[in-house]
Amino acid sequence: MSATTLEQASAAVVPAAARTRPAPAATPFRRVVGVELRKMFDTRSGFWLMASIVIASVIATTLTVLLGDRDSLTFDSFAAAVGSPMSIVLPVIGVLAVTSEWSQRTSLTTFTLVPSRPRVLTAKLLNTLAIGALGMLVALAVGAAGNLITSAITGVDAQWDISAGTFAQIVLANELGMLLGFALGLLFRNSPAAIVGYFVTALVLPGLTSALASTQQWWADNGAWFDLNQTRFLLFDSTLTGQEWAQLAVTSALWIVLPLLVGLRLVLRSEVK
């Protein structure tokens, strides 16, 4: 029997419906977002990292009530106390949202079940930003409770000296920190390396740029166009001018957008094992 006859016989055996069966529908993006959000809480380390948002807020508020000058405490005092641990915890969450796939060796499973890597990374990014905003709301609520407790102890009316615009700036500052952590996670795809990279950027570089500004007048005049920390930290306690907003946009493009695009290209082109 010739090869042509065998092919015709095989085609006759296979039903027409089986030969024309459509490809299964893609996983809905809402389900991808839900799964990625659950993965951020499923492990013990992930759970306690999320819980540390509340724990750190409570500890900072308690210490402010116990150790601060109660007669002069205002809502801004509690916001500043709570904001310090948030600036450390939230970027780490941004890092681990990406690097956990490689550190826990689940990337092959994830990208096999959802072959579109941009959809998975977009879901991770949305969850990261949502957790950052929700974490700041929790911190705000804990700080408000501390302000009310202080008012009840001292008998002085509570001072609510943080406007909605100021709080929005604080949220933006922390979201930028989370985006920086997310970008470094994409760039390194290794938890220790990305976390160290973030702390070097946030804690070491400001000291180096300050030393450089003290010796180089050009850097003192123009360093804010290159140092993300100079403009991002202004969001916590002041109203930015038009030039400072422009500097924040330029430094965010250099330190967040550029690493994000490079890391995204590396993730999309790398072989997953």
Protein backbone atom coordinates (compact mmCIF):
# COMPACT_ATOMS: atom_id res chain seq x y z
CA MET A 1 0.00 0.00 0.00
CA SER A 2 1.41 3.40 -0.96
CA ALA A 3 2.09 6.25 1.46
CA THR A 4 -0.73 8.30 -0.09
CA THR A 5 -3.22 5.51 0.53
CA LEU A 6 -2.13 5.22 4.20
CA GLU A 7 -2.55 8.96 4.74
CA GLN A 8 -6.03 8.84 3.20
CA ALA A 9 -6.98 5.87 5.37
CA SER A 10 -5.73 7.59 8.53
CA ALA A 11 -7.66 10.74 7.68
CA ALA A 12 -10.80 8.70 7.16
CA VAL A 13 -10.46 7.08 10.61
CA VAL A 14 -10.09 10.41 12.50
CA PRO A 15 -13.49 12.13 12.88
CA ALA A 16 -13.86 15.52 11.26
CA ALA A 17 -14.84 17.12 14.60
CA ALA A 18 -11.56 15.99 16.19
CA ARG A 19 -9.53 17.38 13.30
CA THR A 20 -11.18 20.81 13.55
CA ARG A 21 -11.39 21.06 17.38
CA PRO A 22 -10.65 24.66 18.39
CA ALA A 23 -7.87 25.54 20.77
CA PRO A 24 -8.96 25.97 24.43
CA ALA A 25 -9.73 29.49 25.55
CA ALA A 26 -7.00 31.44 27.30
CA THR A 27 -7.09 31.64 31.07
CA PRO A 28 -9.11 34.74 32.05
CA PHE A 29 -6.88 37.55 33.23
CA ARG A 30 -8.97 37.99 36.37
CA ARG A 31 -8.15 34.41 37.35
CA VAL A 32 -4.44 35.01 36.69
CA VAL A 33 -4.56 38.06 38.99
CA GLY A 34 -6.34 36.04 41.69
CA VAL A 35 -3.88 33.15 41.51
CA GLU A 36 -0.86 35.45 41.63
CA LEU A 37 -2.34 37.28 44.61
CA ARG A 38 -2.92 34.01 46.46
CA LYS A 39 0.64 32.90 45.73
CA MET A 40 1.92 35.99 47.54
CA PHE A 41 0.22 34.78 50.76
CA ASP A 42 0.47 31.00 50.42
CA THR A 43 3.97 30.46 51.81
CA ARG A 44 4.84 31.10 55.45
CA SER A 45 7.41 33.70 54.48
CA GLY A 46 4.90 35.47 52.26
CA PHE A 47 2.20 35.39 54.94
CA TRP A 48 4.45 36.84 57.63
CA LEU A 49 5.83 39.45 55.25
CA MET A 50 2.28 40.65 54.60
CA ALA A 51 1.47 40.43 58.30
CA SER A 52 4.53 42.54 59.05
CA ILE A 53 2.72 45.53 57.52
CA VAL A 54 0.22 45.46 60.37
CA ILE A 55 2.76 44.36 62.99
CA ALA A 56 5.24 47.12 62.10
CA SER A 57 2.47 49.72 62.08
CA VAL A 58 1.27 48.68 65.53
CA ILE A 59 4.79 48.61 66.99
CA ALA A 60 5.68 52.03 65.54
CA THR A 61 2.43 53.54 66.81
CA THR A 62 2.84 52.02 70.27
CA LEU A 63 6.40 53.30 70.62
CA THR A 64 5.29 56.75 69.51
CA VAL A 65 2.58 56.81 72.19
CA LEU A 66 4.90 55.52 74.92
CA LEU A 67 8.07 57.43 74.11
CA GLY A 68 6.89 60.57 72.35
CA ASP A 69 5.96 63.90 73.89
CA ARG A 70 2.23 63.28 74.17
CA ASP A 71 1.36 66.95 74.42
CA SER A 72 2.86 67.65 71.00
CA LEU A 73 1.91 64.46 69.13
CA THR A 74 -0.22 64.93 66.03
CA PHE A 75 -1.41 62.70 63.22
CA ASP A 76 1.71 63.67 61.26
CA SER A 77 3.88 62.28 64.08
CA PHE A 78 2.22 58.87 63.78
CA ALA A 79 2.35 58.96 59.98
CA ALA A 80 6.11 59.63 60.10
CA ALA A 81 6.63 56.81 62.62
CA VAL A 82 4.62 54.31 60.59
CA GLY A 83 6.11 55.43 57.27
CA SER A 84 9.66 54.41 58.19
CA PRO A 85 9.03 50.64 58.44
CA MET A 86 6.67 50.79 55.46
CA SER A 87 9.49 52.19 53.29
CA ILE A 88 11.45 49.01 54.07
CA VAL A 89 8.74 46.32 54.03
CA LEU A 90 6.82 47.36 50.91
CA PRO A 91 9.78 47.36 48.45
CA VAL A 92 10.76 43.88 49.68
CA ILE A 93 7.24 42.73 48.79
CA GLY A 94 7.79 44.19 45.31
CA VAL A 95 11.04 42.25 44.95
CA LEU A 96 9.62 38.91 46.13
CA ALA A 97 6.53 39.26 43.92
CA VAL A 98 8.88 38.51 41.00
CA THR A 99 11.84 36.59 42.39
CA SER A 100 9.75 34.02 44.28
CA GLU A 101 9.03 32.28 40.95
CA TRP A 102 12.75 31.57 40.55
CA SER A 103 13.72 31.06 44.20
CA GLN A 104 10.88 28.53 44.70
CA ARG A 105 11.41 27.01 41.22
CA THR A 106 7.79 27.52 40.15
CA SER A 107 8.50 29.59 37.05
CA LEU A 108 8.33 26.60 34.70
CA THR A 109 4.92 25.58 36.06
CA THR A 110 3.60 29.15 35.99
CA PHE A 111 4.68 29.94 32.44
CA THR A 112 3.51 26.53 31.21
CA LEU A 113 0.00 26.98 32.60
CA VAL A 114 -0.09 30.59 31.36
CA PRO A 115 2.22 30.70 28.31
CA SER A 116 1.86 34.48 27.97
CA ARG A 117 4.58 35.83 30.25
CA PRO A 118 3.47 39.49 29.91
CA ARG A 119 0.04 38.57 31.34
CA VAL A 120 1.62 36.92 34.37
CA LEU A 121 4.00 39.82 34.98
CA THR A 122 1.19 42.35 34.56
CA ALA A 123 -0.87 40.47 37.16
CA LYS A 124 2.09 40.49 39.55
CA LEU A 125 2.59 44.23 39.02
CA LEU A 126 -1.09 45.05 39.64
CA ASN A 127 -1.10 42.95 42.83
CA THR A 128 2.09 44.66 44.01
CA LEU A 129 0.63 48.14 43.55
CA ALA A 130 -2.68 47.13 45.15
CA ILE A 131 -0.93 45.68 48.21
CA GLY A 132 1.15 48.85 48.50
CA ALA A 133 -1.94 51.09 48.49
CA LEU A 134 -3.83 48.80 50.88
CA GLY A 135 -0.81 48.57 53.19
CA MET A 136 -0.64 52.35 53.42
CA LEU A 137 -4.36 52.52 54.22
CA VAL A 138 -3.84 50.00 57.02
CA ALA A 139 -0.90 52.04 58.31
CA LEU A 140 -3.04 55.18 58.15
CA ALA A 141 -5.79 53.49 60.17
CA VAL A 142 -3.33 52.30 62.82
CA GLY A 143 -1.79 55.78 63.03
CA ALA A 144 -5.26 57.32 63.38
CA ALA A 145 -6.01 54.92 66.24
CA GLY A 146 -2.78 55.98 67.95
CA ASN A 147 -3.73 59.63 67.54
CA LEU A 148 -7.13 59.01 69.14
CA ILE A 149 -5.56 57.04 72.01
CA THR A 150 -3.11 59.86 72.68
CA SER A 151 -5.98 62.34 72.68
CA ALA A 152 -7.89 60.20 75.18
CA ILE A 153 -4.84 59.92 77.46
CA THR A 154 -3.91 63.60 77.44
CA GLY A 155 -7.40 65.06 77.19
CA VAL A 156 -6.29 67.26 74.29
CA ASP A 157 -8.20 67.35 71.03
CA ALA A 158 -6.64 65.15 68.35
CA GLN A 159 -4.76 67.06 65.66
CA TRP A 160 -5.47 65.85 62.11
CA ASP A 161 -2.75 67.73 60.26
CA ILE A 162 -2.34 65.50 57.18
CA SER A 163 -4.38 66.46 54.13
CA ALA A 164 -5.57 64.07 51.44
CA GLY A 165 -2.96 65.49 49.06
CA THR A 166 -0.13 64.89 51.54
CA PHE A 167 -1.28 61.31 52.12
CA ALA A 168 -1.49 60.75 48.35
CA GLN A 169 2.14 61.91 48.07
CA ILE A 170 3.17 59.45 50.81
CA VAL A 171 1.39 56.63 48.98
CA LEU A 172 3.09 57.63 45.73
CA ALA A 173 6.51 57.62 47.41
CA ASN A 174 5.98 54.10 48.71
CA GLU A 175 4.55 52.90 45.41
CA LEU A 176 7.68 54.18 43.66
CA GLY A 177 9.74 52.19 46.15
CA MET A 178 7.71 49.08 45.36
CA LEU A 179 8.14 49.67 41.62
CA LEU A 180 11.89 49.99 42.12
CA GLY A 181 11.90 46.68 44.00
CA PHE A 182 9.76 45.08 41.27
CA ALA A 183 12.12 46.34 38.56
CA LEU A 184 15.18 45.01 40.40
CA GLY A 185 13.40 41.68 40.86
CA LEU A 186 12.90 41.43 37.10
CA LEU A 187 16.49 42.51 36.46
CA PHE A 188 18.19 40.03 38.84
CA ARG A 189 15.53 37.29 39.30
CA ASN A 190 17.29 36.47 42.57
CA SER A 191 15.85 37.50 45.93
CA PRO A 192 19.07 38.28 47.86
CA ALA A 193 20.65 40.15 44.94
CA ALA A 194 17.54 42.24 44.27
CA ILE A 195 17.00 43.08 47.97
CA VAL A 196 20.64 44.08 48.39
CA GLY A 197 20.38 46.14 45.21
CA TYR A 198 17.37 47.98 46.59
CA PHE A 199 19.01 48.79 49.93
CA VAL A 200 22.16 49.96 48.19
CA THR A 201 20.05 52.27 46.03
CA ALA A 202 17.89 53.55 48.91
CA LEU A 203 20.40 53.70 51.78
CA VAL A 204 23.96 53.80 50.42
CA LEU A 205 23.62 56.03 47.37
CA PRO A 206 22.12 59.00 49.30
CA GLY A 207 25.24 59.17 51.45
CA LEU A 208 27.49 58.99 48.40
CA THR A 209 25.57 61.70 46.56
CA SER A 210 25.64 63.94 49.65
CA ALA A 211 29.41 63.53 49.87
CA LEU A 212 29.74 64.29 46.18
CA ALA A 213 27.52 67.38 46.49
CA SER A 214 29.73 68.72 49.28
CA THR A 215 32.79 68.64 47.02
CA GLN A 216 31.33 69.21 43.55
CA GLN A 217 29.17 72.29 43.01
CA TRP A 218 27.86 70.98 39.68
CA TRP A 219 26.45 67.90 41.38
CA ALA A 220 25.00 70.00 44.21
CA ASP A 221 23.10 72.05 41.61
CA ASN A 222 22.03 69.20 39.30
CA GLY A 223 22.15 66.01 41.36
CA ALA A 224 18.38 65.98 41.85
CA TRP A 225 18.00 65.22 38.12
CA PHE A 226 19.92 61.95 38.59
CA ASP A 227 19.26 60.84 42.19
CA LEU A 228 15.82 59.31 42.71
CA ASN A 229 16.08 59.50 46.49
CA GLN A 230 16.45 63.28 46.59
CA THR A 231 13.06 63.87 44.99
CA ARG A 232 11.21 60.76 46.20
CA PHE A 233 11.93 61.53 49.84
CA LEU A 234 10.48 65.02 49.37
CA LEU A 235 7.10 63.39 48.81
CA PHE A 236 6.97 62.39 52.48
CA ASP A 237 7.03 65.82 54.05
CA SER A 238 6.69 68.68 51.57
CA THR A 239 4.83 70.01 48.56
CA LEU A 240 6.88 69.63 45.40
CA THR A 241 7.42 72.48 42.98
CA GLY A 242 7.03 72.08 39.23
CA GLN A 243 10.77 71.58 38.81
CA GLU A 244 10.85 68.97 41.56
CA TRP A 245 8.00 67.05 39.89
CA ALA A 246 9.99 67.14 36.64
CA GLN A 247 13.08 65.86 38.48
CA LEU A 248 10.99 63.06 40.01
CA ALA A 249 9.76 62.06 36.54
CA VAL A 250 13.29 62.04 35.08
CA THR A 251 14.85 60.07 37.96
CA SER A 252 11.93 57.62 37.98
CA ALA A 253 12.52 56.98 34.28
CA LEU A 254 16.24 56.38 34.90
CA TRP A 255 15.97 54.22 38.04
CA ILE A 256 12.60 52.49 37.61
CA VAL A 257 11.37 52.50 34.01
CA LEU A 258 14.71 51.68 32.38
CA PRO A 259 15.54 48.71 34.71
CA LEU A 260 11.93 47.57 34.36
CA LEU A 261 12.15 47.47 30.57
CA VAL A 262 15.55 45.73 30.60
CA GLY A 263 14.37 43.18 33.18
CA LEU A 264 11.16 42.58 31.23
CA ARG A 265 13.13 41.87 28.07
CA LEU A 266 15.40 39.47 29.95
CA VAL A 267 12.43 37.59 31.43
CA LEU A 268 10.64 37.35 28.08
CA ARG A 269 13.72 36.05 26.28
CA SER A 270 15.28 33.84 28.94
CA GLU A 271 14.92 30.07 29.01
CA VAL A 272 12.80 28.91 31.94
CA LYS A 273 14.10 25.74 33.63
